[in-house]
Amino acid sequence: MTWWRRGGVAAAYGLLLLLAVAVEGAWAWRLGWGGGAADPVLLLVLAASLRRGPEVGALAGFAGGLLQDLAGGGPLGMVALSKSVVGLAAGTLARTLALEGAWAPAALAAAASVGAKLVELGLAWLAGDAPLWLPWLAGTAATASYNALLAPIVFAGLRRVRRWLGPATPGGVPEA
């Protein structure tokens, strides 16, 4: 892949992450119930790590989490670290597991949601700001459920976008 194409892919992921943070800030939290809400940034991090590997997944997770940290006003870096861990883990799992089937995106999104919340809980505990257990469990279950419901839709949409863009040209030379 040429540097020009890599820059375009990075810009596309950056734009999608900005859009996901805007969507989450504008309406995803309003649809939340039970202390949890959908996390479109996490779904994009999963898609990036499954498509491009653990390194890109960790970088996309850090960038998306940092945008969420900046938009949310919480402790800076907590969500960035949790999303980085999820991106790295999902990209590593994608190399070893066959994630095919109708339920794979939903199961992966639910597991990644719980994993990200556990990392955030650990960081909050280390900082001396651990939440109450019962509301935390309810919020984590609600977030995992929302993400499991949305993951097949998001992944199918991203597959359609890739099909619409067409296959990459060999050698990085644009077609006339």
Foldseek 3Di string as FASTA:
>chain_A
DDPVVVVVVVVVLLVVLVVQLVCCVPPQVVPFDLQATERVLLLSLLVQLLVPALVRSLVSLLSSQQSNCVVVVDDHPLSSNLSSVLSNVSRVVSVPDDQDDDQSQLVSLLVSLLSSLVSSQVVCVVVVNHDDDPSSVRHSNRHSNNRSVCNVVVNVVVVVVDVVVPDQDPPNDDDD
